[in-house]
Amino acid sequence: MPSYNVHEAKSNLSRLLKQAAMGEEVIIMRNGEPVAKLVRCRPARRKKVELGWAEGIIRETPGWDKAMTQDEVAVFLGIK
């Protein structure tokens, strides 16, 4: 695990961020003592919506919240 002093880290931040993004941990030192660890950040997880009694029965699909077209409304209402 590579380590850099604060001055080196500031001067090479872009390179260190690339290293962290590829999964390498980087230690930042001050006066020879480790003070920070630069690591890859995991993407935030989407909070699961609780559906109560419908859990496992109803499934969210991409685009479920978009507005319906006039033809889709007609089919939904049984007009077409």
Protein backbone atom coordinates (compact mmCIF):
# COMPACT_ATOMS: atom_id res chain seq x y z
CA MET A 1 0.00 0.00 0.00
CA PRO A 2 1.75 3.20 -1.13
CA SER A 3 2.03 6.18 1.20
CA TYR A 4 2.59 9.87 0.42
CA ASN A 5 3.22 12.93 2.54
CA VAL A 6 0.63 15.72 2.42
CA HIS A 7 2.62 17.82 -0.07
CA GLU A 8 3.04 14.86 -2.47
CA ALA A 9 -0.65 13.98 -2.12
CA LYS A 10 -1.73 17.55 -2.94
CA SER A 11 0.61 17.68 -5.93
CA ASN A 12 -0.53 14.31 -7.30
CA LEU A 13 -4.18 14.21 -6.24
CA SER A 14 -5.54 13.31 -9.70
CA ARG A 15 -3.15 10.36 -9.99
CA LEU A 16 -3.95 9.18 -6.46
CA LEU A 17 -7.68 9.38 -7.18
CA LYS A 18 -7.19 7.20 -10.27
CA GLN A 19 -5.28 4.68 -8.15
CA ALA A 20 -8.06 4.63 -5.56
CA ALA A 21 -10.72 4.27 -8.27
CA MET A 22 -8.90 1.16 -9.49
CA GLY A 23 -9.12 -0.32 -5.99
CA GLU A 24 -5.68 0.56 -4.61
CA GLU A 25 -5.57 2.00 -1.09
CA VAL A 26 -3.34 5.07 -0.63
CA ILE A 27 -2.10 6.29 2.76
CA ILE A 28 -1.49 10.01 3.37
CA MET A 29 1.11 10.79 6.02
CA ARG A 30 1.90 13.88 8.10
CA ASN A 31 5.25 14.02 9.87
CA GLY A 32 5.75 10.31 9.20
CA GLU A 33 2.41 9.33 10.81
CA PRO A 34 -0.55 8.02 8.78
CA VAL A 35 -3.50 10.46 8.97
CA ALA A 36 -5.79 9.38 6.12
CA LYS A 37 -6.51 6.49 3.79
CA LEU A 38 -7.77 7.14 0.26
CA VAL A 39 -9.99 4.24 -0.87
CA ARG A 40 -12.47 3.52 -3.62
CA CYS A 41 -15.95 4.78 -2.82
CA ARG A 42 -18.80 2.36 -3.39
CA PRO A 43 -21.86 3.77 -5.17
CA ALA A 44 -24.73 4.53 -2.81
CA ARG A 45 -27.22 1.70 -2.62
CA ARG A 46 -30.79 2.44 -3.54
CA LYS A 47 -33.08 2.13 -0.57
CA LYS A 48 -35.51 -0.73 -1.00
CA VAL A 49 -39.14 0.37 -0.91
CA GLU A 50 -41.27 -1.62 1.50
CA LEU A 51 -44.46 -2.76 -0.22
CA GLY A 52 -46.12 -4.27 2.83
CA TRP A 53 -48.62 -6.97 1.91
CA ALA A 54 -47.63 -6.75 -1.78
CA GLU A 55 -43.96 -7.60 -1.09
CA GLY A 56 -42.88 -10.23 -3.62
CA ILE A 57 -46.10 -9.86 -5.64
CA ILE A 58 -45.57 -6.44 -7.23
CA ARG A 59 -42.32 -5.72 -9.05
CA GLU A 60 -41.03 -2.29 -10.04
CA THR A 61 -39.90 -2.13 -13.66
CA PRO A 62 -37.91 0.67 -15.31
CA GLY A 63 -40.17 3.45 -16.60
CA TRP A 64 -43.12 2.58 -14.34
CA ASP A 65 -43.46 6.22 -13.33
CA LYS A 66 -43.58 7.78 -16.83
CA ALA A 67 -46.82 9.28 -18.10
CA MET A 68 -49.01 7.02 -20.25
CA THR A 69 -49.77 7.95 -23.86
CA GLN A 70 -53.39 8.42 -24.97
CA ASP A 71 -53.32 4.98 -26.63
CA GLU A 72 -52.01 3.36 -23.43
CA VAL A 73 -54.77 5.06 -21.41
CA ALA A 74 -57.40 3.79 -23.86
CA VAL A 75 -56.08 0.22 -23.60
CA PHE A 76 -55.91 0.50 -19.80
CA LEU A 77 -59.53 1.67 -19.64
CA GLY A 78 -60.68 -1.01 -22.10
CA ILE A 79 -61.77 1.49 -24.75
CA LYS A 80 -59.53 0.03 -27.45
